[in-house]
C-alpha cells in the first residue's frame, strides 16, 4: 500500500479530527477515579465522541467491541472495557482512542496514574511521553522514517525500559491504519523518506521490564510477558515543510 500525501483539504479535516480527539482525552483524564469501571470509561468516551458528530474509530474495527481501549497496569494495549473491571488507587490506565470526522481518522493515547502511584510508575509514564517527543524531533521532511524509530528506542533503553517490538505506529487518514508501519526501536535500514503532507500515528509502548508481550484469550488484550507495568503515548502527527505538527495535541512546547 502506498503512503498517502494529504491535500490541504484533507489536512484541514484531519486537523479537526485531532482537535476533537484531544478534547476526548482531556475529558476522560479528568473523569478517571478509583472505583470507576473500564466500561464506564468507554461509555463516557463514546458519548463525548458522538457529541461532536464524530464516529469512534475503534468500535467494531476488525471486531473490536468498544470505542475506547482501556488497558490497566501490565496491559500494553487493546484492553476491552468491562462492567466488572474496576480501576483502583495506584493503578496506571492507558486510554487509546480515535475519532472519524467526515471520513478522516485521528488516533491518540495517554497513560494516567490513578490517585497516588509509585515513583516507578510515574517514571514509566514520564519516559514514555518523552520517548514520543524524542522521536518527533526527527519527523521532518527530508529525514527517514526509521530515524523516528531509532530515537524512540534509544531514549527508552538508555533509561532502562523495555520497548515493545510486536506492535508499532502507522500511517493514518481515510483508514485508521495506513502505510507505513512505524516501529519504536532502531532498524537496520532507513525507511521511507518523509515528505510534507504525510500523516503518522506515532505511539511508543514502553515497559518497566522486558519488551516481550503476549495476547490474552480474547485475542485483543496485549500484556507484558513478565507482568511488569506498561505505558502508551500517541499522537497523530502531520509532516510539514517546517517540521512536525501535532494534530491531537495543541501544546507543542516540547518540540
C-alpha atoms as a PDB file:
ATOM      1  CA  UNK A   1       0.000   0.000   0.000  1.00  0.00           C
ATOM      2  CA  UNK A   2       1.493   3.392  -0.968  1.00  0.00           C
ATOM      3  CA  UNK A   3       1.953   6.121   1.626  1.00  0.00           C
ATOM      4  CA  UNK A   4      -0.599   8.866   1.039  1.00  0.00           C
ATOM      5  CA  UNK A   5       0.323  12.544   0.978  1.00  0.00           C
ATOM      6  CA  UNK A   6      -2.672  14.569   2.107  1.00  0.00           C
ATOM      7  CA  UNK A   7      -4.139  17.528   0.267  1.00  0.00           C
ATOM      8  CA  UNK A   8      -4.783  20.845   2.047  1.00  0.00           C
ATOM      9  CA  UNK A   9      -8.478  19.938   2.377  1.00  0.00           C
ATOM     10  CA  UNK A  10      -7.631  16.525   3.846  1.00  0.00           C
ATOM     11  CA  UNK A  11      -5.223  18.154   6.302  1.00  0.00           C
ATOM     12  CA  UNK A  12      -7.983  20.536   7.357  1.00  0.00           C
ATOM     13  CA  UNK A  13     -10.335  17.638   8.101  1.00  0.00           C
ATOM     14  CA  UNK A  14      -7.654  15.659   9.951  1.00  0.00           C
ATOM     15  CA  UNK A  15      -6.752  18.732  11.995  1.00  0.00           C
ATOM     16  CA  UNK A  16     -10.347  18.977  13.171  1.00  0.00           C
ATOM     17  CA  UNK A  17     -10.426  15.241  13.912  1.00  0.00           C
ATOM     18  CA  UNK A  18      -7.303  15.687  16.035  1.00  0.00           C
ATOM     19  CA  UNK A  19      -8.710  18.709  17.844  1.00  0.00           C
ATOM     20  CA  UNK A  20     -11.815  16.773  18.826  1.00  0.00           C
ATOM     21  CA  UNK A  21      -9.776  13.771  19.947  1.00  0.00           C
ATOM     22  CA  UNK A  22      -7.689  15.980  22.226  1.00  0.00           C
ATOM     23  CA  UNK A  23     -10.920  17.127  23.892  1.00  0.00           C
ATOM     24  CA  UNK A  24     -11.993  13.491  24.330  1.00  0.00           C
ATOM     25  CA  UNK A  25      -8.723  12.630  26.059  1.00  0.00           C
ATOM     26  CA  UNK A  26      -8.793  15.714  28.251  1.00  0.00           C
ATOM     27  CA  UNK A  27     -12.330  14.959  29.417  1.00  0.00           C
ATOM     28  CA  UNK A  28     -11.578  11.297  30.072  1.00  0.00           C
ATOM     29  CA  UNK A  29      -8.441  12.182  32.008  1.00  0.00           C
ATOM     30  CA  UNK A  30     -10.437  14.498  34.285  1.00  0.00           C
ATOM     31  CA  UNK A  31     -13.134  11.865  34.845  1.00  0.00           C
ATOM     32  CA  UNK A  32     -10.899   8.963  35.917  1.00  0.00           C
ATOM     33  CA  UNK A  33     -11.206   7.990  39.583  1.00  0.00           C
ATOM     34  CA  UNK A  34     -10.869   4.916  41.797  1.00  0.00           C
ATOM     35  CA  UNK A  35     -13.969   2.721  41.664  1.00  0.00           C
ATOM     36  CA  UNK A  36     -14.835   3.588  38.073  1.00  0.00           C
ATOM     37  CA  UNK A  37     -15.310   0.617  35.764  1.00  0.00           C
ATOM     38  CA  UNK A  38     -13.459   0.381  32.490  1.00  0.00           C
ATOM     39  CA  UNK A  39     -16.865   0.092  30.797  1.00  0.00           C
ATOM     40  CA  UNK A  40     -17.887   3.452  32.273  1.00  0.00           C
ATOM     41  CA  UNK A  41     -14.733   4.971  30.769  1.00  0.00           C
ATOM     42  CA  UNK A  42     -15.672   3.539  27.380  1.00  0.00           C
ATOM     43  CA  UNK A  43     -19.264   4.759  27.585  1.00  0.00           C
ATOM     44  CA  UNK A  44     -18.170   8.268  28.523  1.00  0.00           C
ATOM     45  CA  UNK A  45     -15.620   8.333  25.699  1.00  0.00           C
ATOM     46  CA  UNK A  46     -18.165   7.269  23.118  1.00  0.00           C
ATOM     47  CA  UNK A  47     -20.663   9.854  24.389  1.00  0.00           C
ATOM     48  CA  UNK A  48     -18.103  12.652  24.008  1.00  0.00           C
ATOM     49  CA  UNK A  49     -17.019  11.484  20.553  1.00  0.00           C
ATOM     50  CA  UNK A  50     -20.601  11.357  19.262  1.00  0.00           C
ATOM     51  CA  UNK A  51     -21.406  14.746  20.808  1.00  0.00           C
ATOM     52  CA  UNK A  52     -19.057  16.244  18.197  1.00  0.00           C
ATOM     53  CA  UNK A  53     -20.836  14.399  15.366  1.00  0.00           C
ATOM     54  CA  UNK A  54     -17.914  12.017  15.065  1.00  0.00           C
ATOM     55  CA  UNK A  55     -17.772   8.228  14.917  1.00  0.00           C
ATOM     56  CA  UNK A  56     -15.489   6.183  17.225  1.00  0.00           C
ATOM     57  CA  UNK A  57     -12.678   4.795  15.071  1.00  0.00           C
ATOM     58  CA  UNK A  58     -12.278   1.644  17.138  1.00  0.00           C
ATOM     59  CA  UNK A  59     -15.868   0.462  17.583  1.00  0.00           C
ATOM     60  CA  UNK A  60     -16.313  -2.725  15.513  1.00  0.00           C
ATOM     61  CA  UNK A  61     -12.887  -2.242  13.905  1.00  0.00           C
ATOM     62  CA  UNK A  62     -11.930  -5.804  12.969  1.00  0.00           C
ATOM     63  CA  UNK A  63     -14.486  -6.859  15.585  1.00  0.00           C
ATOM     64  CA  UNK A  64     -13.190  -4.766  18.492  1.00  0.00           C
ATOM     65  CA  UNK A  65     -16.238  -4.370  20.773  1.00  0.00           C
ATOM     66  CA  UNK A  66     -15.707  -0.891  22.262  1.00  0.00           C
ATOM     67  CA  UNK A  67     -14.925   2.747  21.449  1.00  0.00           C
ATOM     68  CA  UNK A  68     -12.018   3.237  23.875  1.00  0.00           C
ATOM     69  CA  UNK A  69      -9.196   0.777  24.510  1.00  0.00           C
ATOM     70  CA  UNK A  70      -8.705   0.725  28.287  1.00  0.00           C
ATOM     71  CA  UNK A  71      -5.503  -1.044  29.368  1.00  0.00           C
ATOM     72  CA  UNK A  72      -4.603  -1.324  33.053  1.00  0.00           C
ATOM     73  CA  UNK A  73      -1.159  -1.889  34.634  1.00  0.00           C
ATOM     74  CA  UNK A  74       0.529  -4.764  32.743  1.00  0.00           C
ATOM     75  CA  UNK A  75      -1.887  -4.453  29.814  1.00  0.00           C
ATOM     76  CA  UNK A  76       0.002  -2.783  26.975  1.00  0.00           C
ATOM     77  CA  UNK A  77      -2.826  -2.012  24.548  1.00  0.00           C
ATOM     78  CA  UNK A  78      -6.289  -3.076  23.348  1.00  0.00           C
ATOM     79  CA  UNK A  79      -7.776  -3.793  26.769  1.00  0.00           C
ATOM     80  CA  UNK A  80     -11.507  -4.483  26.365  1.00  0.00           C
ATOM     81  CA  UNK A  81     -13.713  -2.408  28.687  1.00  0.00           C
ATOM     82  CA  UNK A  82     -15.785  -4.395  31.181  1.00  0.00           C
ATOM     83  CA  UNK A  83     -18.511  -3.532  33.689  1.00  0.00           C
ATOM     84  CA  UNK A  84     -16.744  -5.918  36.084  1.00  0.00           C
ATOM     85  CA  UNK A  85     -13.270  -4.326  35.918  1.00  0.00           C
ATOM     86  CA  UNK A  86     -12.770  -1.524  38.437  1.00  0.00           C
ATOM     87  CA  UNK A  87      -9.796   0.813  38.417  1.00  0.00           C
ATOM     88  CA  UNK A  88      -8.122   1.282  41.799  1.00  0.00           C
ATOM     89  CA  UNK A  89      -5.911   3.723  43.603  1.00  0.00           C
ATOM     90  CA  UNK A  90      -2.347   3.175  42.426  1.00  0.00           C
ATOM     91  CA  UNK A  91      -3.258   1.738  39.003  1.00  0.00           C
ATOM     92  CA  UNK A  92      -1.972   3.142  35.766  1.00  0.00           C
ATOM     93  CA  UNK A  93      -4.530   3.247  32.953  1.00  0.00           C
ATOM     94  CA  UNK A  94      -3.744   3.652  29.259  1.00  0.00           C
ATOM     95  CA  UNK A  95      -6.541   5.078  27.113  1.00  0.00           C
ATOM     96  CA  UNK A  96      -6.290   4.703  23.348  1.00  0.00           C
ATOM     97  CA  UNK A  97      -8.975   6.395  21.252  1.00  0.00           C
ATOM     98  CA  UNK A  98      -9.700   7.528  17.729  1.00  0.00           C
ATOM     99  CA  UNK A  99     -12.376   9.577  16.024  1.00  0.00           C
ATOM    100  CA  UNK A 100     -13.668   9.744  12.466  1.00  0.00           C
ATOM    101  CA  UNK A 101     -14.576  13.255  11.338  1.00  0.00           C
ATOM    102  CA  UNK A 102     -16.105  13.495   7.856  1.00  0.00           C
ATOM    103  CA  UNK A 103     -14.324  10.321   6.805  1.00  0.00           C
ATOM    104  CA  UNK A 104     -10.912  11.106   8.315  1.00  0.00           C
ATOM    105  CA  UNK A 105      -9.337   9.495  11.371  1.00  0.00           C
ATOM    106  CA  UNK A 106      -7.266  10.736  14.272  1.00  0.00           C
ATOM    107  CA  UNK A 107      -5.611   8.425  16.805  1.00  0.00           C
ATOM    108  CA  UNK A 108      -4.040   9.208  20.190  1.00  0.00           C
ATOM    109  CA  UNK A 109      -3.247   7.535  23.506  1.00  0.00           C
ATOM    110  CA  UNK A 110      -2.458   8.683  27.040  1.00  0.00           C
ATOM    111  CA  UNK A 111      -1.474   6.838  30.225  1.00  0.00           C
ATOM    112  CA  UNK A 112      -2.827   8.138  33.553  1.00  0.00           C
ATOM    113  CA  UNK A 113      -1.980   7.385  37.153  1.00  0.00           C
ATOM    114  CA  UNK A 114      -4.995   6.787  39.398  1.00  0.00           C
ATOM    115  CA  UNK A 115      -4.560   8.643  42.671  1.00  0.00           C
ATOM    116  CA  UNK A 116      -1.153   8.133  44.250  1.00  0.00           C
ATOM    117  CA  UNK A 117       1.058   5.872  42.176  1.00  0.00           C
ATOM    118  CA  UNK A 118       4.556   4.534  42.738  1.00  0.00           C
ATOM    119  CA  UNK A 119       7.643   6.519  41.771  1.00  0.00           C
ATOM    120  CA  UNK A 120       8.464   3.695  39.360  1.00  0.00           C
ATOM    121  CA  UNK A 121       5.095   4.085  37.644  1.00  0.00           C
ATOM    122  CA  UNK A 122       5.496   7.869  37.499  1.00  0.00           C
ATOM    123  CA  UNK A 123       8.865   7.417  35.827  1.00  0.00           C
ATOM    124  CA  UNK A 124       7.459   4.983  33.273  1.00  0.00           C
ATOM    125  CA  UNK A 125       4.631   7.340  32.283  1.00  0.00           C
ATOM    126  CA  UNK A 126       7.013  10.299  32.038  1.00  0.00           C
ATOM    127  CA  UNK A 127       9.635   8.472  29.972  1.00  0.00           C
ATOM    128  CA  UNK A 128       7.031   7.021  27.598  1.00  0.00           C
ATOM    129  CA  UNK A 129       5.783  10.535  26.854  1.00  0.00           C
ATOM    130  CA  UNK A 130       9.353  11.793  26.498  1.00  0.00           C
ATOM    131  CA  UNK A 131      10.053   8.967  24.026  1.00  0.00           C
ATOM    132  CA  UNK A 132       7.367  10.367  21.754  1.00  0.00           C
ATOM    133  CA  UNK A 133       8.891  13.840  21.813  1.00  0.00           C
ATOM    134  CA  UNK A 134      12.376  12.441  21.227  1.00  0.00           C
ATOM    135  CA  UNK A 135      11.010  10.617  18.185  1.00  0.00           C
ATOM    136  CA  UNK A 136       9.241  13.526  16.587  1.00  0.00           C
ATOM    137  CA  UNK A 137      12.397  15.614  16.635  1.00  0.00           C
ATOM    138  CA  UNK A 138      13.121  13.571  13.506  1.00  0.00           C
ATOM    139  CA  UNK A 139       9.620  13.797  11.999  1.00  0.00           C
ATOM    140  CA  UNK A 140      10.766  16.303   9.428  1.00  0.00           C
ATOM    141  CA  UNK A 141      10.724  16.450   5.652  1.00  0.00           C
ATOM    142  CA  UNK A 142      13.973  15.010   4.298  1.00  0.00           C
ATOM    143  CA  UNK A 143      14.590  12.663   7.234  1.00  0.00           C
ATOM    144  CA  UNK A 144      13.840   8.955   7.022  1.00  0.00           C
ATOM    145  CA  UNK A 145      11.001   7.193   8.808  1.00  0.00           C
ATOM    146  CA  UNK A 146      13.236   4.972  10.906  1.00  0.00           C
ATOM    147  CA  UNK A 147      15.108   7.978  12.275  1.00  0.00           C
ATOM    148  CA  UNK A 148      11.958   8.402  14.390  1.00  0.00           C
ATOM    149  CA  UNK A 149      12.019   4.732  15.425  1.00  0.00           C
ATOM    150  CA  UNK A 150      15.688   4.815  16.433  1.00  0.00           C
ATOM    151  CA  UNK A 151      15.286   7.939  18.556  1.00  0.00           C
ATOM    152  CA  UNK A 152      12.349   6.441  20.475  1.00  0.00           C
ATOM    153  CA  UNK A 153      14.121   3.147  21.128  1.00  0.00           C
ATOM    154  CA  UNK A 154      17.451   4.633  22.122  1.00  0.00           C
ATOM    155  CA  UNK A 155      15.828   7.023  24.585  1.00  0.00           C
ATOM    156  CA  UNK A 156      13.737   4.328  26.290  1.00  0.00           C
ATOM    157  CA  UNK A 157      16.583   1.845  26.523  1.00  0.00           C
ATOM    158  CA  UNK A 158      19.004   4.471  27.819  1.00  0.00           C
ATOM    159  CA  UNK A 159      16.693   4.825  30.793  1.00  0.00           C
ATOM    160  CA  UNK A 160      16.429   1.110  31.406  1.00  0.00           C
ATOM    161  CA  UNK A 161      12.996   0.406  29.945  1.00  0.00           C
ATOM    162  CA  UNK A 162      11.818  -2.268  27.507  1.00  0.00           C
ATOM    163  CA  UNK A 163      10.478  -1.242  24.099  1.00  0.00           C
ATOM    164  CA  UNK A 164       7.575  -3.319  22.751  1.00  0.00           C
ATOM    165  CA  UNK A 165       8.560  -4.787  19.378  1.00  0.00           C
ATOM    166  CA  UNK A 166       5.455  -6.737  18.383  1.00  0.00           C
ATOM    167  CA  UNK A 167       3.330  -3.596  17.896  1.00  0.00           C
ATOM    168  CA  UNK A 168       4.023  -0.354  16.091  1.00  0.00           C
ATOM    169  CA  UNK A 169       2.707   3.000  14.931  1.00  0.00           C
ATOM    170  CA  UNK A 170       1.239   3.573  11.478  1.00  0.00           C
ATOM    171  CA  UNK A 171       0.103   5.952   8.814  1.00  0.00           C
ATOM    172  CA  UNK A 172      -3.420   7.331   9.140  1.00  0.00           C
ATOM    173  CA  UNK A 173      -6.015   9.113   7.025  1.00  0.00           C
ATOM    174  CA  UNK A 174      -9.219   7.797   5.476  1.00  0.00           C
ATOM    175  CA  UNK A 175      -8.266   4.476   7.090  1.00  0.00           C
ATOM    176  CA  UNK A 176      -7.291   4.069  10.721  1.00  0.00           C
ATOM    177  CA  UNK A 177      -4.216   2.062   9.771  1.00  0.00           C
ATOM    178  CA  UNK A 178      -2.409   3.082   6.591  1.00  0.00           C
ATOM    179  CA  UNK A 179       1.166   2.591   5.415  1.00  0.00           C
ATOM    180  CA  UNK A 180       3.812   2.867   6.740  1.00  0.00           C
ATOM    181  CA  UNK A 181       4.359   0.807   9.873  1.00  0.00           C
ATOM    182  CA  UNK A 182       6.428   2.744  12.431  1.00  0.00           C
ATOM    183  CA  UNK A 183       8.460   0.594  14.865  1.00  0.00           C
ATOM    184  CA  UNK A 184       9.589   2.052  18.192  1.00  0.00           C
ATOM    185  CA  UNK A 185      13.120   0.647  18.058  1.00  0.00           C
ATOM    186  CA  UNK A 186      16.206   1.001  15.876  1.00  0.00           C
ATOM    187  CA  UNK A 187      16.071  -0.703  12.475  1.00  0.00           C
ATOM    188  CA  UNK A 188      18.865  -1.864  10.176  1.00  0.00           C
ATOM    189  CA  UNK A 189      17.514   0.225   7.303  1.00  0.00           C
ATOM    190  CA  UNK A 190      16.436   3.831   6.812  1.00  0.00           C
ATOM    191  CA  UNK A 191      12.774   3.521   5.858  1.00  0.00           C
ATOM    192  CA  UNK A 192      10.947   5.868   3.509  1.00  0.00           C
ATOM    193  CA  UNK A 193      11.899   9.481   3.014  1.00  0.00           C
ATOM    194  CA  UNK A 194       9.493  11.747   4.895  1.00  0.00           C
ATOM    195  CA  UNK A 195       7.522  14.261   2.847  1.00  0.00           C
ATOM    196  CA  UNK A 196       5.278  17.176   3.778  1.00  0.00           C
ATOM    197  CA  UNK A 197       1.652  16.069   3.859  1.00  0.00           C
ATOM    198  CA  UNK A 198       2.285  12.625   5.339  1.00  0.00           C
ATOM    199  CA  UNK A 199       0.226  11.869   8.460  1.00  0.00           C
ATOM    200  CA  UNK A 200       1.536   9.407  11.023  1.00  0.00           C
ATOM    201  CA  UNK A 201       0.303   7.918  14.298  1.00  0.00           C
ATOM    202  CA  UNK A 202       3.481   7.671  16.373  1.00  0.00           C
ATOM    203  CA  UNK A 203       2.996   5.642  19.549  1.00  0.00           C
ATOM    204  CA  UNK A 204       5.720   4.453  21.919  1.00  0.00           C
ATOM    205  CA  UNK A 205       4.668   1.446  24.040  1.00  0.00           C
ATOM    206  CA  UNK A 206       7.195   1.105  26.842  1.00  0.00           C
ATOM    207  CA  UNK A 207       7.551  -1.458  29.648  1.00  0.00           C
ATOM    208  CA  UNK A 208       9.272  -1.282  33.006  1.00  0.00           C
ATOM    209  CA  UNK A 209      10.563  -4.798  32.372  1.00  0.00           C
ATOM    210  CA  UNK A 210      11.326  -6.718  29.182  1.00  0.00           C
ATOM    211  CA  UNK A 211       9.933  -5.978  25.735  1.00  0.00           C
ATOM    212  CA  UNK A 212       8.183  -9.328  25.268  1.00  0.00           C
ATOM    213  CA  UNK A 213       4.361  -9.418  25.194  1.00  0.00           C
ATOM    214  CA  UNK A 214       1.549 -11.956  24.961  1.00  0.00           C
ATOM    215  CA  UNK A 215      -2.043 -11.847  23.742  1.00  0.00           C
ATOM    216  CA  UNK A 216      -4.819 -12.914  26.105  1.00  0.00           C
ATOM    217  CA  UNK A 217      -7.512 -15.379  25.099  1.00  0.00           C
ATOM    218  CA  UNK A 218      -9.816 -12.556  23.972  1.00  0.00           C
ATOM    219  CA  UNK A 219      -7.370 -12.107  21.030  1.00  0.00           C
ATOM    220  CA  UNK A 220      -7.183  -8.370  21.718  1.00  0.00           C
ATOM    221  CA  UNK A 221      -5.619  -7.561  25.070  1.00  0.00           C
ATOM    222  CA  UNK A 222      -1.817  -7.437  24.918  1.00  0.00           C
ATOM    223  CA  UNK A 223       0.049  -7.874  28.222  1.00  0.00           C
ATOM    224  CA  UNK A 224       3.693  -7.800  29.229  1.00  0.00           C
ATOM    225  CA  UNK A 225       5.070 -11.321  29.447  1.00  0.00           C
ATOM    226  CA  UNK A 226       6.795 -10.565  32.755  1.00  0.00           C
ATOM    227  CA  UNK A 227       3.685  -8.730  34.095  1.00  0.00           C
ATOM    228  CA  UNK A 228       5.607  -5.501  34.529  1.00  0.00           C
ATOM    229  CA  UNK A 229       3.826  -2.171  34.097  1.00  0.00           C
ATOM    230  CA  UNK A 230       3.423  -0.761  30.596  1.00  0.00           C
ATOM    231  CA  UNK A 231       2.611   2.746  29.330  1.00  0.00           C
ATOM    232  CA  UNK A 232       1.432   4.105  25.969  1.00  0.00           C
ATOM    233  CA  UNK A 233       1.616   7.592  24.476  1.00  0.00           C
ATOM    234  CA  UNK A 234       0.468   8.521  20.968  1.00  0.00           C
ATOM    235  CA  UNK A 235      -0.444  11.445  18.764  1.00  0.00           C
ATOM    236  CA  UNK A 236      -1.461  11.968  15.167  1.00  0.00           C
ATOM    237  CA  UNK A 237       1.381  13.885  13.518  1.00  0.00           C
ATOM    238  CA  UNK A 238       1.463  15.857  10.269  1.00  0.00           C
ATOM    239  CA  UNK A 239       4.789  16.256   8.458  1.00  0.00           C
ATOM    240  CA  UNK A 240       5.110  19.851   7.208  1.00  0.00           C
ATOM    241  CA  UNK A 241       7.800  21.833   5.431  1.00  0.00           C
ATOM    242  CA  UNK A 242       8.537  23.457   8.784  1.00  0.00           C
ATOM    243  CA  UNK A 243       8.628  20.355  10.976  1.00  0.00           C
ATOM    244  CA  UNK A 244       6.039  18.178  12.720  1.00  0.00           C
ATOM    245  CA  UNK A 245       2.591  19.438  13.637  1.00  0.00           C
ATOM    246  CA  UNK A 246       0.686  17.552  16.334  1.00  0.00           C
ATOM    247  CA  UNK A 247      -2.945  17.250  15.307  1.00  0.00           C
ATOM    248  CA  UNK A 248      -4.108  15.694  18.580  1.00  0.00           C
ATOM    249  CA  UNK A 249      -2.159  17.919  20.974  1.00  0.00           C
ATOM    250  CA  UNK A 250      -2.168  21.714  20.941  1.00  0.00           C
ATOM    251  CA  UNK A 251       0.692  22.193  23.443  1.00  0.00           C
ATOM    252  CA  UNK A 252       3.765  21.813  21.249  1.00  0.00           C
ATOM    253  CA  UNK A 253       6.236  23.465  23.600  1.00  0.00           C
ATOM    254  CA  UNK A 254       8.311  20.270  23.844  1.00  0.00           C
ATOM    255  CA  UNK A 255       9.044  20.007  20.105  1.00  0.00           C
END
